[in-house]
Protein backbone atom coordinates (compact mmCIF):
# COMPACT_ATOMS: atom_id res chain seq x y z
CA UNK A 1 0.00 0.00 0.00
CA UNK A 2 1.28 3.46 -0.91
CA UNK A 3 1.54 5.68 2.17
CA UNK A 4 2.80 8.70 0.24
CA UNK A 5 0.59 11.73 0.85
CA UNK A 6 -0.91 13.08 -2.36
CA UNK A 7 -2.60 16.46 -2.32
CA UNK A 8 -6.10 16.39 -3.78
CA UNK A 9 -6.92 18.69 -6.69
CA UNK A 10 -8.90 21.78 -5.62
CA UNK A 11 -11.24 21.45 -8.59
CA UNK A 12 -12.10 17.87 -7.62
CA UNK A 13 -12.68 18.96 -4.04
CA UNK A 14 -15.15 21.71 -4.97
CA UNK A 15 -16.94 19.65 -7.63
CA UNK A 16 -19.39 18.18 -5.12
CA UNK A 17 -22.35 20.35 -3.95
CA UNK A 18 -22.04 19.05 -0.38
CA UNK A 19 -18.43 20.17 -0.20
CA UNK A 20 -19.31 23.55 -1.70
CA UNK A 21 -21.96 23.97 1.00
CA UNK A 22 -19.41 23.04 3.67
CA UNK A 23 -17.08 25.71 2.27
CA UNK A 24 -19.94 28.25 2.40
CA UNK A 25 -20.77 27.36 5.99
CA UNK A 26 -17.16 27.66 7.05
CA UNK A 27 -16.73 30.92 5.14
CA UNK A 28 -19.25 32.71 7.37
CA UNK A 29 -17.96 31.24 10.61
CA UNK A 30 -14.55 31.45 12.20
CA UNK A 31 -14.63 27.79 13.12
CA UNK A 32 -17.34 25.13 13.42
CA UNK A 33 -17.46 21.77 15.19
CA UNK A 34 -18.40 18.65 13.29
CA UNK A 35 -21.78 18.30 15.03
CA UNK A 36 -22.85 21.80 13.91
CA UNK A 37 -21.78 21.12 10.33
CA UNK A 38 -23.57 17.76 10.32
CA UNK A 39 -26.81 19.45 11.47
CA UNK A 40 -26.90 21.32 8.14
CA UNK A 41 -27.15 18.12 6.07
CA UNK A 42 -29.42 15.14 5.75
CA UNK A 43 -26.58 12.68 6.20
CA UNK A 44 -24.66 11.25 9.10
CA UNK A 45 -21.46 12.43 10.76
CA UNK A 46 -19.41 9.81 8.92
CA UNK A 47 -20.52 11.08 5.50
CA UNK A 48 -19.87 14.71 6.45
CA UNK A 49 -16.48 13.69 7.86
CA UNK A 50 -15.57 12.06 4.55
CA UNK A 51 -16.41 15.25 2.67
CA UNK A 52 -14.35 17.27 5.15
CA UNK A 53 -11.44 14.86 4.68
CA UNK A 54 -11.50 15.53 0.93
CA UNK A 55 -11.51 19.27 1.57
CA UNK A 56 -8.65 18.80 4.00
CA UNK A 57 -6.64 16.83 1.41
CA UNK A 58 -7.02 19.84 -0.92
CA UNK A 59 -5.85 22.13 1.92
CA UNK A 60 -9.22 23.92 1.87
CA UNK A 61 -9.98 22.96 5.47
CA UNK A 62 -7.95 22.67 8.62
CA UNK A 63 -9.07 21.03 11.81
CA UNK A 64 -8.10 20.94 15.45
CA UNK A 65 -9.16 18.88 18.41
CA UNK A 66 -10.69 20.52 21.46
CA UNK A 67 -11.24 17.74 23.95
CA UNK A 68 -13.53 15.23 22.28
CA UNK A 69 -14.66 17.72 19.65
CA UNK A 70 -13.11 18.37 16.23
CA UNK A 71 -13.44 21.91 14.94
CA UNK A 72 -13.02 22.92 11.30
CA UNK A 73 -11.81 26.15 9.69
CA UNK A 74 -11.72 27.25 6.06
CA UNK A 75 -8.42 27.97 4.33
CA UNK A 76 -9.27 30.08 1.27
CA UNK A 77 -5.75 30.22 -0.20
CA UNK A 78 -6.19 27.19 -2.52
CA UNK A 79 -9.28 28.84 -4.04
CA UNK A 80 -6.93 31.35 -5.69
CA UNK A 81 -6.17 28.64 -8.26
CA UNK A 82 -9.88 28.46 -9.12
CA UNK A 83 -10.13 32.25 -9.31
CA UNK A 84 -7.12 32.45 -11.63
CA UNK A 85 -8.53 29.76 -13.91
CA UNK A 86 -11.94 31.47 -14.07
CA UNK A 87 -10.43 34.88 -14.79
CA UNK A 88 -9.31 33.66 -18.23
CA UNK A 89 -12.88 32.70 -19.11
CA UNK A 90 -14.25 35.91 -17.66
CA UNK A 91 -12.13 37.81 -20.19
CA UNK A 92 -13.39 35.48 -22.94
CA UNK A 93 -17.06 36.15 -22.13
CA UNK A 94 -16.52 39.90 -21.75
CA UNK A 95 -15.04 39.99 -25.24
CA UNK A 96 -17.94 37.93 -26.64
CA UNK A 97 -20.48 40.22 -24.94
CA UNK A 98 -18.71 43.29 -26.37
CA UNK A 99 -18.83 41.78 -29.89
CA UNK A 100 -22.52 40.95 -29.52
CA UNK A 101 -23.27 44.47 -28.33
CA UNK A 102 -21.46 45.91 -31.36
CA UNK A 103 -23.43 43.64 -33.73
CA UNK A 104 -26.75 44.58 -32.10
CA UNK A 105 -25.95 48.29 -32.29
CA UNK A 106 -25.24 48.12 -36.07
PDB file of N, CA and C in Angstrom:
ATOM      1  N   UNK A   1       0.844  -1.188   0.000  1.00  0.00           N
ATOM      2  CA  UNK A   1       0.000   0.000   0.000  1.00  0.00           C
ATOM      3  C   UNK A   1       0.881   1.238   0.000  1.00  0.00           C
ATOM      4  N   UNK A   2       0.508   2.239  -0.790  1.00  0.00           N
ATOM      5  CA  UNK A   2       1.279   3.463  -0.914  1.00  0.00           C
ATOM      6  C   UNK A   2       0.879   4.431   0.189  1.00  0.00           C
ATOM      7  N   UNK A   3       1.810   4.764   1.073  1.00  0.00           N
ATOM      8  CA  UNK A   3       1.536   5.677   2.170  1.00  0.00           C
ATOM      9  C   UNK A   3       1.943   7.113   1.848  1.00  0.00           C
ATOM     10  N   UNK A   4       2.376   7.372   0.633  1.00  0.00           N
ATOM     11  CA  UNK A   4       2.796   8.703   0.242  1.00  0.00           C
ATOM     12  C   UNK A   4       1.577   9.617   0.170  1.00  0.00           C
ATOM     13  N   UNK A   5       1.679  10.754   0.855  1.00  0.00           N
ATOM     14  CA  UNK A   5       0.591  11.725   0.846  1.00  0.00           C
ATOM     15  C   UNK A   5       0.497  12.361  -0.531  1.00  0.00           C
ATOM     16  N   UNK A   6      -0.696  12.421  -1.077  1.00  0.00           N
ATOM     17  CA  UNK A   6      -0.910  13.078  -2.357  1.00  0.00           C
ATOM     18  C   UNK A   6      -1.989  14.132  -2.165  1.00  0.00           C
ATOM     19  N   UNK A   7      -1.651  15.374  -2.458  1.00  0.00           N
ATOM     20  CA  UNK A   7      -2.603  16.465  -2.320  1.00  0.00           C
ATOM     21  C   UNK A   7      -3.723  16.297  -3.338  1.00  0.00           C
ATOM     22  N   UNK A   8      -4.941  16.493  -2.896  1.00  0.00           N
ATOM     23  CA  UNK A   8      -6.099  16.389  -3.781  1.00  0.00           C
ATOM     24  C   UNK A   8      -6.259  17.682  -4.570  1.00  0.00           C
ATOM     25  N   UNK A   9      -6.692  17.558  -5.814  1.00  0.00           N
ATOM     26  CA  UNK A   9      -6.922  18.694  -6.689  1.00  0.00           C
ATOM     27  C   UNK A   9      -8.069  19.549  -6.151  1.00  0.00           C
ATOM     28  N   UNK A  10      -7.882  20.859  -6.130  1.00  0.00           N
ATOM     29  CA  UNK A  10      -8.895  21.776  -5.617  1.00  0.00           C
ATOM     30  C   UNK A  10     -10.182  21.678  -6.425  1.00  0.00           C
ATOM     31  N   UNK A  11     -10.061  21.529  -7.738  1.00  0.00           N
ATOM     32  CA  UNK A  11     -11.244  21.448  -8.594  1.00  0.00           C
ATOM     33  C   UNK A  11     -12.067  20.194  -8.290  1.00  0.00           C
ATOM     34  N   UNK A  12     -11.402  19.106  -8.004  1.00  0.00           N
ATOM     35  CA  UNK A  12     -12.101  17.874  -7.620  1.00  0.00           C
ATOM     36  C   UNK A  12     -12.800  18.087  -6.282  1.00  0.00           C
ATOM     37  N   UNK A  13     -12.120  18.743  -5.371  1.00  0.00           N
ATOM     38  CA  UNK A  13     -12.681  18.960  -4.035  1.00  0.00           C
ATOM     39  C   UNK A  13     -13.942  19.812  -4.075  1.00  0.00           C
ATOM     40  N   UNK A  14     -13.978  20.823  -4.937  1.00  0.00           N
ATOM     41  CA  UNK A  14     -15.148  21.711  -4.970  1.00  0.00           C
ATOM     42  C   UNK A  14     -16.218  21.245  -5.958  1.00  0.00           C
ATOM     43  N   UNK A  15     -15.988  20.142  -6.632  1.00  0.00           N
ATOM     44  CA  UNK A  15     -16.942  19.653  -7.625  1.00  0.00           C
ATOM     45  C   UNK A  15     -18.253  19.164  -7.010  1.00  0.00           C
ATOM     46  N   UNK A  16     -18.217  18.749  -5.773  1.00  0.00           N
ATOM     47  CA  UNK A  16     -19.395  18.181  -5.120  1.00  0.00           C
ATOM     48  C   UNK A  16     -20.201  19.285  -4.413  1.00  0.00           C
ATOM     49  N   UNK A  17     -21.531  19.316  -4.589  1.00  0.00           N
ATOM     50  CA  UNK A  17     -22.349  20.351  -3.945  1.00  0.00           C
ATOM     51  C   UNK A  17     -22.290  20.313  -2.417  1.00  0.00           C
ATOM     52  N   UNK A  18     -22.145  19.140  -1.841  1.00  0.00           N
ATOM     53  CA  UNK A  18     -22.042  19.046  -0.383  1.00  0.00           C
ATOM     54  C   UNK A  18     -20.773  19.743   0.101  1.00  0.00           C
ATOM     55  N   UNK A  19     -19.676  19.538  -0.603  1.00  0.00           N
ATOM     56  CA  UNK A  19     -18.426  20.173  -0.200  1.00  0.00           C
ATOM     57  C   UNK A  19     -18.477  21.679  -0.431  1.00  0.00           C
ATOM     58  N   UNK A  20     -19.158  22.108  -1.490  1.00  0.00           N
ATOM     59  CA  UNK A  20     -19.310  23.554  -1.700  1.00  0.00           C
ATOM     60  C   UNK A  20     -20.147  24.167  -0.580  1.00  0.00           C
ATOM     61  N   UNK A  21     -21.161  23.459  -0.119  1.00  0.00           N
ATOM     62  CA  UNK A  21     -21.961  23.970   0.997  1.00  0.00           C
ATOM     63  C   UNK A  21     -21.125  24.014   2.279  1.00  0.00           C
ATOM     64  N   UNK A  22     -20.298  23.017   2.508  1.00  0.00           N
ATOM     65  CA  UNK A  22     -19.407  23.038   3.667  1.00  0.00           C
ATOM     66  C   UNK A  22     -18.490  24.253   3.611  1.00  0.00           C
ATOM     67  N   UNK A  23     -17.947  24.536   2.437  1.00  0.00           N
ATOM     68  CA  UNK A  23     -17.085  25.713   2.268  1.00  0.00           C
ATOM     69  C   UNK A  23     -17.865  26.978   2.595  1.00  0.00           C
ATOM     70  N   UNK A  24     -19.094  27.071   2.125  1.00  0.00           N
ATOM     71  CA  UNK A  24     -19.936  28.246   2.404  1.00  0.00           C
ATOM     72  C   UNK A  24     -20.202  28.399   3.890  1.00  0.00           C
ATOM     73  N   UNK A  25     -20.512  27.307   4.550  1.00  0.00           N
ATOM     74  CA  UNK A  25     -20.770  27.363   5.990  1.00  0.00           C
ATOM     75  C   UNK A  25     -19.537  27.811   6.756  1.00  0.00           C
ATOM     76  N   UNK A  26     -18.393  27.290   6.369  1.00  0.00           N
ATOM     77  CA  UNK A  26     -17.159  27.655   7.053  1.00  0.00           C
ATOM     78  C   UNK A  26     -16.705  29.071   6.704  1.00  0.00           C
ATOM     79  N   UNK A  27     -17.123  29.574   5.556  1.00  0.00           N
ATOM     80  CA  UNK A  27     -16.734  30.923   5.144  1.00  0.00           C
ATOM     81  C   UNK A  27     -17.374  31.995   6.017  1.00  0.00           C
ATOM     82  N   UNK A  28     -18.556  31.711   6.541  1.00  0.00           N
ATOM     83  CA  UNK A  28     -19.253  32.713   7.370  1.00  0.00           C
ATOM     84  C   UNK A  28     -18.998  32.527   8.858  1.00  0.00           C
ATOM     85  N   UNK A  29     -18.266  31.491   9.203  1.00  0.00           N
ATOM     86  CA  UNK A  29     -17.955  31.237  10.613  1.00  0.00           C
ATOM     87  C   UNK A  29     -16.443  31.177  10.768  1.00  0.00           C
ATOM     88  N   UNK A  30     -15.984  31.549  11.931  1.00  0.00           N
ATOM     89  CA  UNK A  30     -14.549  31.447  12.196  1.00  0.00           C
ATOM     90  C   UNK A  30     -14.128  29.984  12.238  1.00  0.00           C
ATOM     91  N   UNK A  31     -14.947  29.205  12.909  1.00  0.00           N
ATOM     92  CA  UNK A  31     -14.631  27.788  13.120  1.00  0.00           C
ATOM     93  C   UNK A  31     -15.918  27.092  13.550  1.00  0.00           C
ATOM     94  N   UNK A  32     -16.131  25.875  13.049  1.00  0.00           N
ATOM     95  CA  UNK A  32     -17.336  25.130  13.422  1.00  0.00           C
ATOM     96  C   UNK A  32     -16.994  23.701  13.800  1.00  0.00           C
ATOM     97  N   UNK A  33     -17.664  23.178  14.833  1.00  0.00           N
ATOM     98  CA  UNK A  33     -17.458  21.774  15.194  1.00  0.00           C
ATOM     99  C   UNK A  33     -18.229  20.856  14.246  1.00  0.00           C
ATOM    100  N   UNK A  34     -17.790  19.633  14.175  1.00  0.00           N
ATOM    101  CA  UNK A  34     -18.404  18.652  13.286  1.00  0.00           C
ATOM    102  C   UNK A  34     -19.902  18.522  13.518  1.00  0.00           C
ATOM    103  N   UNK A  35     -20.341  18.506  14.764  1.00  0.00           N
ATOM    104  CA  UNK A  35     -21.777  18.300  15.029  1.00  0.00           C
ATOM    105  C   UNK A  35     -22.623  19.456  14.481  1.00  0.00           C
ATOM    106  N   UNK A  36     -22.097  20.677  14.475  1.00  0.00           N
ATOM    107  CA  UNK A  36     -22.849  21.799  13.909  1.00  0.00           C
ATOM    108  C   UNK A  36     -22.885  21.728  12.380  1.00  0.00           C
ATOM    109  N   UNK A  37     -21.798  21.291  11.785  1.00  0.00           N
ATOM    110  CA  UNK A  37     -21.777  21.118  10.334  1.00  0.00           C
ATOM    111  C   UNK A  37     -22.731  20.007   9.917  1.00  0.00           C
ATOM    112  N   UNK A  38     -22.714  18.901  10.638  1.00  0.00           N
ATOM    113  CA  UNK A  38     -23.573  17.758  10.319  1.00  0.00           C
ATOM    114  C   UNK A  38     -25.047  18.143  10.388  1.00  0.00           C
ATOM    115  N   UNK A  39     -25.411  19.034  11.307  1.00  0.00           N
ATOM    116  CA  UNK A  39     -26.806  19.453  11.466  1.00  0.00           C
ATOM    117  C   UNK A  39     -27.357  20.140  10.222  1.00  0.00           C
ATOM    118  N   UNK A  40     -26.482  20.617   9.349  1.00  0.00           N
ATOM    119  CA  UNK A  40     -26.897  21.317   8.135  1.00  0.00           C
ATOM    120  C   UNK A  40     -27.198  20.384   6.958  1.00  0.00           C
ATOM    121  N   UNK A  41     -26.999  19.086   7.159  1.00  0.00           N
ATOM    122  CA  UNK A  41     -27.150  18.117   6.074  1.00  0.00           C
ATOM    123  C   UNK A  41     -28.071  16.980   6.486  1.00  0.00           C
ATOM    124  N   UNK A  42     -28.618  16.321   5.494  1.00  0.00           N
ATOM    125  CA  UNK A  42     -29.422  15.139   5.750  1.00  0.00           C
ATOM    126  C   UNK A  42     -28.565  13.908   5.499  1.00  0.00           C
ATOM    127  N   UNK A  43     -27.484  13.823   6.251  1.00  0.00           N
ATOM    128  CA  UNK A  43     -26.577  12.678   6.195  1.00  0.00           C
ATOM    129  C   UNK A  43     -25.906  12.589   7.557  1.00  0.00           C
ATOM    130  N   UNK A  44     -25.288  11.469   7.816  1.00  0.00           N
ATOM    131  CA  UNK A  44     -24.660  11.251   9.103  1.00  0.00           C
ATOM    132  C   UNK A  44     -23.297  11.904   9.233  1.00  0.00           C
ATOM    133  N   UNK A  45     -22.775  11.850  10.452  1.00  0.00           N
ATOM    134  CA  UNK A  45     -21.461  12.430  10.755  1.00  0.00           C
ATOM    135  C   UNK A  45     -20.354  11.796   9.913  1.00  0.00           C
ATOM    136  N   UNK A  46     -20.450  10.493   9.687  1.00  0.00           N
ATOM    137  CA  UNK A  46     -19.412   9.807   8.919  1.00  0.00           C
ATOM    138  C   UNK A  46     -19.339  10.355   7.496  1.00  0.00           C
ATOM    139  N   UNK A  47     -20.491  10.558   6.871  1.00  0.00           N
ATOM    140  CA  UNK A  47     -20.515  11.084   5.501  1.00  0.00           C
ATOM    141  C   UNK A  47     -19.970  12.507   5.458  1.00  0.00           C
ATOM    142  N   UNK A  48     -20.378  13.334   6.405  1.00  0.00           N
ATOM    143  CA  UNK A  48     -19.872  14.709   6.454  1.00  0.00           C
ATOM    144  C   UNK A  48     -18.366  14.690   6.711  1.00  0.00           C
ATOM    145  N   UNK A  49     -17.910  13.818   7.579  1.00  0.00           N
ATOM    146  CA  UNK A  49     -16.475  13.693   7.863  1.00  0.00           C
ATOM    147  C   UNK A  49     -15.687  13.307   6.615  1.00  0.00           C
ATOM    148  N   UNK A  50     -16.254  12.450   5.789  1.00  0.00           N
ATOM    149  CA  UNK A  50     -15.570  12.055   4.552  1.00  0.00           C
ATOM    150  C   UNK A  50     -15.442  13.240   3.601  1.00  0.00           C
ATOM    151  N   UNK A  51     -16.487  14.053   3.512  1.00  0.00           N
ATOM    152  CA  UNK A  51     -16.413  15.251   2.673  1.00  0.00           C
ATOM    153  C   UNK A  51     -15.376  16.229   3.227  1.00  0.00           C
ATOM    154  N   UNK A  52     -15.344  16.385   4.533  1.00  0.00           N
ATOM    155  CA  UNK A  52     -14.354  17.270   5.153  1.00  0.00           C
ATOM    156  C   UNK A  52     -12.932  16.756   4.925  1.00  0.00           C
ATOM    157  N   UNK A  53     -12.770  15.445   4.926  1.00  0.00           N
ATOM    158  CA  UNK A  53     -11.444  14.855   4.679  1.00  0.00           C
ATOM    159  C   UNK A  53     -10.965  15.193   3.268  1.00  0.00           C
ATOM    160  N   UNK A  54     -11.865  15.175   2.301  1.00  0.00           N
ATOM    161  CA  UNK A  54     -11.501  15.528   0.928  1.00  0.00           C
ATOM    162  C   UNK A  54     -11.110  17.002   0.856  1.00  0.00           C
ATOM    163  N   UNK A  55     -11.864  17.853   1.529  1.00  0.00           N
ATOM    164  CA  UNK A  55     -11.510  19.271   1.567  1.00  0.00           C
ATOM    165  C   UNK A  55     -10.171  19.487   2.266  1.00  0.00           C
ATOM    166  N   UNK A  56      -9.922  18.701   3.280  1.00  0.00           N
ATOM    167  CA  UNK A  56      -8.648  18.803   4.000  1.00  0.00           C
ATOM    168  C   UNK A  56      -7.485  18.359   3.105  1.00  0.00           C
ATOM    169  N   UNK A  57      -7.680  17.308   2.327  1.00  0.00           N
ATOM    170  CA  UNK A  57      -6.640  16.832   1.407  1.00  0.00           C
ATOM    171  C   UNK A  57      -6.302  17.876   0.342  1.00  0.00           C
ATOM    172  N   UNK A  58      -7.253  18.761   0.045  1.00  0.00           N
ATOM    173  CA  UNK A  58      -7.021  19.842  -0.917  1.00  0.00           C
ATOM    174  C   UNK A  58      -6.557  21.114  -0.201  1.00  0.00           C
ATOM    175  N   UNK A  59      -6.292  21.012   1.083  1.00  0.00           N
ATOM    176  CA  UNK A  59      -5.853  22.134   1.925  1.00  0.00           C
ATOM    177  C   UNK A  59      -6.893  23.242   2.035  1.00  0.00           C
ATOM    178  N   UNK A  60      -8.149  22.932   1.746  1.00  0.00           N
ATOM    179  CA  UNK A  60      -9.217  23.917   1.870  1.00  0.00           C
ATOM    180  C   UNK A  60      -9.745  24.020   3.296  1.00  0.00           C
ATOM    181  N   UNK A  61      -9.482  23.008   4.100  1.00  0.00           N
ATOM    182  CA  UNK A  61      -9.985  22.959   5.468  1.00  0.00           C
ATOM    183  C   UNK A  61      -8.861  22.518   6.396  1.00  0.00           C
ATOM    184  N   UNK A  62      -8.832  23.137   7.552  1.00  0.00           N
ATOM    185  CA  UNK A  62      -7.948  22.674   8.623  1.00  0.00           C
ATOM    186  C   UNK A  62      -8.829  22.272   9.792  1.00  0.00           C
ATOM    187  N   UNK A  63      -8.288  21.436  10.642  1.00  0.00           N
ATOM    188  CA  UNK A  63      -9.069  21.032  11.808  1.00  0.00           C
ATOM    189  C   UNK A  63      -8.172  20.983  13.040  1.00  0.00           C
ATOM    190  N   UNK A  64      -8.813  21.077  14.191  1.00  0.00           N
ATOM    191  CA  UNK A  64      -8.096  20.942  15.451  1.00  0.00           C
ATOM    192  C   UNK A  64      -9.017  20.288  16.466  1.00  0.00           C
ATOM    193  N   UNK A  65      -8.412  19.562  17.360  1.00  0.00           N
ATOM    194  CA  UNK A  65      -9.156  18.878  18.408  1.00  0.00           C
ATOM    195  C   UNK A  65      -9.265  19.797  19.616  1.00  0.00           C
ATOM    196  N   UNK A  66     -10.443  19.837  20.192  1.00  0.00           N
ATOM    197  CA  UNK A  66     -10.694  20.519  21.461  1.00  0.00           C
ATOM    198  C   UNK A  66     -11.411  19.508  22.342  1.00  0.00           C
ATOM    199  N   UNK A  67     -10.652  18.815  23.146  1.00  0.00           N
ATOM    200  CA  UNK A  67     -11.238  17.742  23.947  1.00  0.00           C
ATOM    201  C   UNK A  67     -11.702  16.627  23.031  1.00  0.00           C
ATOM    202  N   UNK A  68     -12.974  16.294  23.124  1.00  0.00           N
ATOM    203  CA  UNK A  68     -13.531  15.232  22.283  1.00  0.00           C
ATOM    204  C   UNK A  68     -14.090  15.768  20.970  1.00  0.00           C
ATOM    205  N   UNK A  69     -14.043  17.078  20.804  1.00  0.00           N
ATOM    206  CA  UNK A  69     -14.657  17.721  19.649  1.00  0.00           C
ATOM    207  C   UNK A  69     -13.604  18.086  18.602  1.00  0.00           C
ATOM    208  N   UNK A  70     -13.966  17.918  17.328  1.00  0.00           N
ATOM    209  CA  UNK A  70     -13.112  18.367  16.231  1.00  0.00           C
ATOM    210  C   UNK A  70     -13.754  19.596  15.619  1.00  0.00           C
ATOM    211  N   UNK A  71     -12.959  20.653  15.498  1.00  0.00           N
ATOM    212  CA  UNK A  71     -13.439  21.912  14.944  1.00  0.00           C
ATOM    213  C   UNK A  71     -12.748  22.163  13.608  1.00  0.00           C
ATOM    214  N   UNK A  72     -13.506  22.713  12.664  1.00  0.00           N
ATOM    215  CA  UNK A  72     -13.023  22.915  11.305  1.00  0.00           C
ATOM    216  C   UNK A  72     -13.003  24.397  10.955  1.00  0.00           C
ATOM    217  N   UNK A  73     -12.009  24.759  10.127  1.00  0.00           N
ATOM    218  CA  UNK A  73     -11.814  26.145   9.694  1.00  0.00           C
ATOM    219  C   UNK A  73     -11.472  26.134   8.208  1.00  0.00           C
ATOM    220  N   UNK A  74     -11.971  27.135   7.499  1.00  0.00           N
ATOM    221  CA  UNK A  74     -11.715  27.252   6.063  1.00  0.00           C
ATOM    222  C   UNK A  74     -10.358  27.896   5.810  1.00  0.00           C
ATOM    223  N   UNK A  75      -9.647  27.371   4.827  1.00  0.00           N
ATOM    224  CA  UNK A  75      -8.417  27.968   4.328  1.00  0.00           C
ATOM    225  C   UNK A  75      -8.693  28.355   2.876  1.00  0.00           C
ATOM    226  N   UNK A  76      -8.850  29.635   2.604  1.00  0.00           N
ATOM    227  CA  UNK A  76      -9.267  30.078   1.274  1.00  0.00           C
ATOM    228  C   UNK A  76      -8.124  30.141   0.260  1.00  0.00           C
ATOM    229  N   UNK A  77      -6.893  30.068   0.700  1.00  0.00           N
ATOM    230  CA  UNK A  77      -5.747  30.224  -0.203  1.00  0.00           C
ATOM    231  C   UNK A  77      -5.805  29.317  -1.441  1.00  0.00           C
ATOM    232  N   UNK A  78      -6.146  28.031  -1.318  1.00  0.00           N
ATOM    233  CA  UNK A  78      -6.193  27.188  -2.523  1.00  0.00           C
ATOM    234  C   UNK A  78      -7.259  27.606  -3.536  1.00  0.00           C
ATOM    235  N   UNK A  79      -8.250  28.383  -3.105  1.00  0.00           N
ATOM    236  CA  UNK A  79      -9.281  28.837  -4.039  1.00  0.00           C
ATOM    237  C   UNK A  79      -8.740  29.874  -5.023  1.00  0.00           C
ATOM    238  N   UNK A  80      -7.561  30.424  -4.756  1.00  0.00           N
ATOM    239  CA  UNK A  80      -6.933  31.354  -5.693  1.00  0.00           C
ATOM    240  C   UNK A  80      -6.701  30.680  -7.042  1.00  0.00           C
ATOM    241  N   UNK A  81      -6.372  29.395  -7.013  1.00  0.00           N
ATOM    242  CA  UNK A  81      -6.169  28.640  -8.260  1.00  0.00           C
ATOM    243  C   UNK A  81      -7.449  28.627  -9.097  1.00  0.00           C
ATOM    244  N   UNK A  82      -8.584  28.460  -8.435  1.00  0.00           N
ATOM    245  CA  UNK A  82      -9.876  28.465  -9.125  1.00  0.00           C
ATOM    246  C   UNK A  82     -10.156  29.856  -9.685  1.00  0.00           C
ATOM    247  N   UNK A  83      -9.908  30.868  -8.881  1.00  0.00           N
ATOM    248  CA  UNK A  83     -10.127  32.251  -9.312  1.00  0.00           C
ATOM    249  C   UNK A  83      -9.268  32.582 -10.530  1.00  0.00           C
ATOM    250  N   UNK A  84      -8.011  32.182 -10.496  1.00  0.00           N
ATOM    251  CA  UNK A  84      -7.116  32.447 -11.625  1.00  0.00           C
ATOM    252  C   UNK A  84      -7.593  31.746 -12.895  1.00  0.00           C
ATOM    253  N   UNK A  85      -8.053  30.522 -12.762  1.00  0.00           N
ATOM    254  CA  UNK A  85      -8.533  29.762 -13.910  1.00  0.00           C
ATOM    255  C   UNK A  85      -9.782  30.420 -14.493  1.00  0.00           C
ATOM    256  N   UNK A  86     -10.698  30.846 -13.616  1.00  0.00           N
ATOM    257  CA  UNK A  86     -11.940  31.467 -14.071  1.00  0.00           C
ATOM    258  C   UNK A  86     -11.707  32.833 -14.698  1.00  0.00           C
ATOM    259  N   UNK A  87     -10.671  33.530 -14.264  1.00  0.00           N
ATOM    260  CA  UNK A  87     -10.430  34.875 -14.791  1.00  0.00           C
ATOM    261  C   UNK A  87     -10.167  34.842 -16.293  1.00  0.00           C
ATOM    262  N   UNK A  88      -9.518  33.798 -16.784  1.00  0.00           N
ATOM    263  CA  UNK A  88      -9.309  33.661 -18.225  1.00  0.00           C
ATOM    264  C   UNK A  88     -10.651  33.621 -18.954  1.00  0.00           C
ATOM    265  N   UNK A  89     -11.587  32.852 -18.457  1.00  0.00           N
ATOM    266  CA  UNK A  89     -12.881  32.700 -19.112  1.00  0.00           C
ATOM    267  C   UNK A  89     -13.749  33.934 -18.935  1.00  0.00           C
ATOM    268  N   UNK A  90     -13.535  34.655 -17.854  1.00  0.00           N
ATOM    269  CA  UNK A  90     -14.254  35.913 -17.664  1.00  0.00           C
ATOM    270  C   UNK A  90     -13.877  36.883 -18.787  1.00  0.00           C
ATOM    271  N   UNK A  91     -12.591  36.961 -19.097  1.00  0.00           N
ATOM    272  CA  UNK A  91     -12.129  37.811 -20.192  1.00  0.00           C
ATOM    273  C   UNK A  91     -12.737  37.353 -21.522  1.00  0.00           C
ATOM    274  N   UNK A  92     -12.817  36.052 -21.719  1.00  0.00           N
ATOM    275  CA  UNK A  92     -13.395  35.476 -22.936  1.00  0.00           C
ATOM    276  C   UNK A  92     -14.842  35.927 -23.093  1.00  0.00           C
ATOM    277  N   UNK A  93     -15.651  35.800 -22.030  1.00  0.00           N
ATOM    278  CA  UNK A  93     -17.061  36.151 -22.127  1.00  0.00           C
ATOM    279  C   UNK A  93     -17.268  37.648 -22.223  1.00  0.00           C
ATOM    280  N   UNK A  94     -16.422  38.442 -21.604  1.00  0.00           N
ATOM    281  CA  UNK A  94     -16.522  39.898 -21.745  1.00  0.00           C
ATOM    282  C   UNK A  94     -16.303  40.311 -23.191  1.00  0.00           C
ATOM    283  N   UNK A  95     -15.319  39.692 -23.834  1.00  0.00           N
ATOM    284  CA  UNK A  95     -15.043  39.987 -25.244  1.00  0.00           C
ATOM    285  C   UNK A  95     -16.224  39.572 -26.119  1.00  0.00           C
ATOM    286  N   UNK A  96     -16.788  38.412 -25.853  1.00  0.00           N
ATOM    287  CA  UNK A  96     -17.940  37.934 -26.636  1.00  0.00           C
ATOM    288  C   UNK A  96     -19.143  38.856 -26.435  1.00  0.00           C
ATOM    289  N   UNK A  97     -19.362  39.318 -25.220  1.00  0.00           N
ATOM    290  CA  UNK A  97     -20.479  40.223 -24.936  1.00  0.00           C
ATOM    291  C   UNK A  97     -20.275  41.563 -25.649  1.00  0.00           C
ATOM    292  N   UNK A  98     -19.043  42.042 -25.680  1.00  0.00           N
ATOM    293  CA  UNK A  98     -18.714  43.287 -26.371  1.00  0.00           C
ATOM    294  C   UNK A  98     -18.985  43.147 -27.874  1.00  0.00           C
ATOM    295  N   UNK A  99     -18.576  42.021 -28.467  1.00  0.00           N
ATOM    296  CA  UNK A  99     -18.829  41.779 -29.891  1.00  0.00           C
ATOM    297  C   UNK A  99     -20.327  41.712 -30.190  1.00  0.00           C
ATOM    298  N   UNK A 100     -21.074  41.037 -29.339  1.00  0.00           N
ATOM    299  CA  UNK A 100     -22.524  40.946 -29.524  1.00  0.00           C
ATOM    300  C   UNK A 100     -23.169  42.323 -29.431  1.00  0.00           C
ATOM    301  N   UNK A 101     -22.737  43.112 -28.488  1.00  0.00           N
ATOM    302  CA  UNK A 101     -23.273  44.473 -28.332  1.00  0.00           C
ATOM    303  C   UNK A 101     -23.009  45.289 -29.599  1.00  0.00           C
ATOM    304  N   UNK A 102     -21.794  45.180 -30.135  1.00  0.00           N
ATOM    305  CA  UNK A 102     -21.461  45.907 -31.363  1.00  0.00           C
ATOM    306  C   UNK A 102     -22.336  45.469 -32.529  1.00  0.00           C
ATOM    307  N   UNK A 103     -22.578  44.170 -32.652  1.00  0.00           N
ATOM    308  CA  UNK A 103     -23.428  43.641 -33.733  1.00  0.00           C
ATOM    309  C   UNK A 103     -24.853  44.147 -33.571  1.00  0.00           C
ATOM    310  N   UNK A 104     -25.373  44.143 -32.343  1.00  0.00           N
ATOM    311  CA  UNK A 104     -26.749  44.581 -32.105  1.00  0.00           C
ATOM    312  C   UNK A 104     -26.922  46.072 -32.320  1.00  0.00           C
ATOM    313  N   UNK A 105     -25.869  46.836 -32.086  1.00  0.00           N
ATOM    314  CA  UNK A 105     -25.950  48.294 -32.288  1.00  0.00           C
ATOM    315  C   UNK A 105     -25.872  48.688 -33.757  1.00  0.00           C
ATOM    316  N   UNK A 106     -25.365  47.808 -34.636  1.00  0.00           N
ATOM    317  CA  UNK A 106     -25.241  48.125 -36.070  1.00  0.00           C
ATOM    318  C   UNK A 106     -26.560  48.057 -36.797  1.00  0.00           C
TER     319      UNK A 106
END
